[in-house]
């Protein structure tokens, strides 16, 4: 695809730096959430949390014409929960901390 993302403009060094900063924000959100609530107990609990973040919080931020900061904050929370699910349930059993 020659470096283009979905047919749109190519990523520049500035874009990459901004995305790297967002990745750091996502990791910080994972640490904050797991420190406060612990790891997911089950896959169903994980889905419930992610569903709430996507279909309530992020959806409302977008549909209510939230500020770009509101949308960014909710999108980071969605990404953080998706990352935690991928980490917690996407690892082979031998590496998983919580094996439910």
C-alpha atoms as a PDB file:
ATOM      1  CA  UNK A   1       0.000   0.000   0.000  1.00  0.00           C
ATOM      2  CA  UNK A   2       3.074   2.194  -0.232  1.00  0.00           C
ATOM      3  CA  UNK A   3       2.798   3.739   3.245  1.00  0.00           C
ATOM      4  CA  UNK A   4      -0.689   5.212   2.788  1.00  0.00           C
ATOM      5  CA  UNK A   5      -3.251   4.487   5.490  1.00  0.00           C
ATOM      6  CA  UNK A   6      -6.680   3.635   4.061  1.00  0.00           C
ATOM      7  CA  UNK A   7      -5.982   5.747   0.980  1.00  0.00           C
ATOM      8  CA  UNK A   8      -5.582   8.926   3.025  1.00  0.00           C
ATOM      9  CA  UNK A   9      -2.578  11.164   3.519  1.00  0.00           C
ATOM     10  CA  UNK A  10       0.696   9.612   4.565  1.00  0.00           C
ATOM     11  CA  UNK A  11       1.860   9.802   8.158  1.00  0.00           C
ATOM     12  CA  UNK A  12       4.533  12.369   8.816  1.00  0.00           C
ATOM     13  CA  UNK A  13       7.160  12.412  11.540  1.00  0.00           C
ATOM     14  CA  UNK A  14       4.944  14.872  13.435  1.00  0.00           C
ATOM     15  CA  UNK A  15       1.989  12.465  13.240  1.00  0.00           C
ATOM     16  CA  UNK A  16       4.150   9.611  14.453  1.00  0.00           C
ATOM     17  CA  UNK A  17       5.377  11.690  17.417  1.00  0.00           C
ATOM     18  CA  UNK A  18       1.786  12.605  18.320  1.00  0.00           C
ATOM     19  CA  UNK A  19       0.723   8.967  18.124  1.00  0.00           C
ATOM     20  CA  UNK A  20       3.639   7.938  20.301  1.00  0.00           C
ATOM     21  CA  UNK A  21       2.494  10.449  22.926  1.00  0.00           C
ATOM     22  CA  UNK A  22      -1.037   9.011  22.719  1.00  0.00           C
ATOM     23  CA  UNK A  23       0.324   5.481  23.160  1.00  0.00           C
ATOM     24  CA  UNK A  24       1.973   6.680  26.360  1.00  0.00           C
ATOM     25  CA  UNK A  25      -1.378   8.133  27.457  1.00  0.00           C
ATOM     26  CA  UNK A  26      -3.061   4.785  26.700  1.00  0.00           C
ATOM     27  CA  UNK A  27      -0.501   2.887  28.759  1.00  0.00           C
ATOM     28  CA  UNK A  28      -0.936   5.370  31.610  1.00  0.00           C
ATOM     29  CA  UNK A  29      -4.702   4.816  31.457  1.00  0.00           C
ATOM     30  CA  UNK A  30      -4.215   1.023  31.650  1.00  0.00           C
ATOM     31  CA  UNK A  31      -2.063   1.465  34.771  1.00  0.00           C
ATOM     32  CA  UNK A  32      -4.554   3.899  36.310  1.00  0.00           C
ATOM     33  CA  UNK A  33      -7.570   1.652  35.628  1.00  0.00           C
ATOM     34  CA  UNK A  34      -5.949  -1.583  36.801  1.00  0.00           C
ATOM     35  CA  UNK A  35      -4.574   0.123  39.911  1.00  0.00           C
ATOM     36  CA  UNK A  36      -8.057   1.372  40.764  1.00  0.00           C
ATOM     37  CA  UNK A  37     -10.192  -1.624  39.704  1.00  0.00           C
ATOM     38  CA  UNK A  38      -7.786  -4.550  39.360  1.00  0.00           C
ATOM     39  CA  UNK A  39      -7.677  -6.901  36.411  1.00  0.00           C
ATOM     40  CA  UNK A  40     -10.826  -8.233  34.770  1.00  0.00           C
ATOM     41  CA  UNK A  41     -12.291 -11.268  36.506  1.00  0.00           C
ATOM     42  CA  UNK A  42     -13.851 -12.737  33.374  1.00  0.00           C
ATOM     43  CA  UNK A  43     -14.045 -12.159  29.633  1.00  0.00           C
ATOM     44  CA  UNK A  44     -17.684 -11.150  30.110  1.00  0.00           C
ATOM     45  CA  UNK A  45     -16.722  -8.475  32.613  1.00  0.00           C
ATOM     46  CA  UNK A  46     -14.057  -7.210  30.206  1.00  0.00           C
ATOM     47  CA  UNK A  47     -16.598  -7.031  27.386  1.00  0.00           C
ATOM     48  CA  UNK A  48     -19.052  -5.148  29.610  1.00  0.00           C
ATOM     49  CA  UNK A  49     -16.462  -2.511  30.470  1.00  0.00           C
ATOM     50  CA  UNK A  50     -15.335  -2.104  26.854  1.00  0.00           C
ATOM     51  CA  UNK A  51     -18.943  -1.994  25.629  1.00  0.00           C
ATOM     52  CA  UNK A  52     -19.740   0.761  28.133  1.00  0.00           C
ATOM     53  CA  UNK A  53     -16.693   2.771  27.073  1.00  0.00           C
ATOM     54  CA  UNK A  54     -17.492   2.456  23.351  1.00  0.00           C
ATOM     55  CA  UNK A  55     -21.283   2.477  23.213  1.00  0.00           C
ATOM     56  CA  UNK A  56     -21.911   4.936  25.991  1.00  0.00           C
ATOM     57  CA  UNK A  57     -18.980   7.182  26.839  1.00  0.00           C
ATOM     58  CA  UNK A  58     -17.287   7.565  23.428  1.00  0.00           C
ATOM     59  CA  UNK A  59     -20.576   7.486  21.547  1.00  0.00           C
ATOM     60  CA  UNK A  60     -22.005  10.269  23.719  1.00  0.00           C
ATOM     61  CA  UNK A  61     -18.852  12.364  23.407  1.00  0.00           C
ATOM     62  CA  UNK A  62     -19.167  12.175  19.626  1.00  0.00           C
ATOM     63  CA  UNK A  63     -22.950  12.495  19.261  1.00  0.00           C
ATOM     64  CA  UNK A  64     -23.178  15.388  21.718  1.00  0.00           C
ATOM     65  CA  UNK A  65     -20.494  17.245  19.765  1.00  0.00           C
ATOM     66  CA  UNK A  66     -18.025  16.988  22.615  1.00  0.00           C
ATOM     67  CA  UNK A  67     -14.785  18.860  22.393  1.00  0.00           C
ATOM     68  CA  UNK A  68     -11.842  17.223  20.683  1.00  0.00           C
ATOM     69  CA  UNK A  69     -10.342  16.738  24.164  1.00  0.00           C
ATOM     70  CA  UNK A  70     -13.510  14.939  25.370  1.00  0.00           C
ATOM     71  CA  UNK A  71     -13.433  12.627  22.345  1.00  0.00           C
ATOM     72  CA  UNK A  72      -9.686  12.042  22.709  1.00  0.00           C
ATOM     73  CA  UNK A  73     -10.064  11.202  26.417  1.00  0.00           C
ATOM     74  CA  UNK A  74     -12.856   8.683  25.773  1.00  0.00           C
ATOM     75  CA  UNK A  75     -11.017   7.151  22.786  1.00  0.00           C
ATOM     76  CA  UNK A  76      -7.931   6.703  24.959  1.00  0.00           C
ATOM     77  CA  UNK A  77     -10.049   4.910  27.566  1.00  0.00           C
ATOM     78  CA  UNK A  78     -11.476   2.632  24.856  1.00  0.00           C
ATOM     79  CA  UNK A  79      -7.975   1.886  23.565  1.00  0.00           C
ATOM     80  CA  UNK A  80      -6.727   1.234  27.103  1.00  0.00           C
ATOM     81  CA  UNK A  81      -9.491  -1.268  27.818  1.00  0.00           C
ATOM     82  CA  UNK A  82      -8.967  -2.973  24.448  1.00  0.00           C
ATOM     83  CA  UNK A  83      -5.236  -3.196  25.170  1.00  0.00           C
ATOM     84  CA  UNK A  84      -5.869  -4.670  28.613  1.00  0.00           C
ATOM     85  CA  UNK A  85      -8.247  -7.248  27.104  1.00  0.00           C
ATOM     86  CA  UNK A  86      -5.685  -8.155  24.429  1.00  0.00           C
ATOM     87  CA  UNK A  87      -3.014  -8.475  27.097  1.00  0.00           C
ATOM     88  CA  UNK A  88      -5.066 -10.317  29.682  1.00  0.00           C
ATOM     89  CA  UNK A  89      -6.991 -12.713  27.445  1.00  0.00           C
ATOM     90  CA  UNK A  90      -4.890 -12.775  24.290  1.00  0.00           C
ATOM     91  CA  UNK A  91      -1.850 -14.415  25.844  1.00  0.00           C
ATOM     92  CA  UNK A  92      -1.361 -18.164  25.880  1.00  0.00           C
ATOM     93  CA  UNK A  93      -2.518 -19.649  29.204  1.00  0.00           C
ATOM     94  CA  UNK A  94       1.024 -20.257  30.429  1.00  0.00           C
ATOM     95  CA  UNK A  95       1.738 -16.490  30.382  1.00  0.00           C
ATOM     96  CA  UNK A  96      -1.620 -15.237  31.592  1.00  0.00           C
ATOM     97  CA  UNK A  97      -1.757 -13.665  35.063  1.00  0.00           C
ATOM     98  CA  UNK A  98      -5.498 -14.174  35.454  1.00  0.00           C
ATOM     99  CA  UNK A  99      -6.449 -17.462  33.763  1.00  0.00           C
ATOM    100  CA  UNK A 100     -10.221 -16.938  33.627  1.00  0.00           C
END
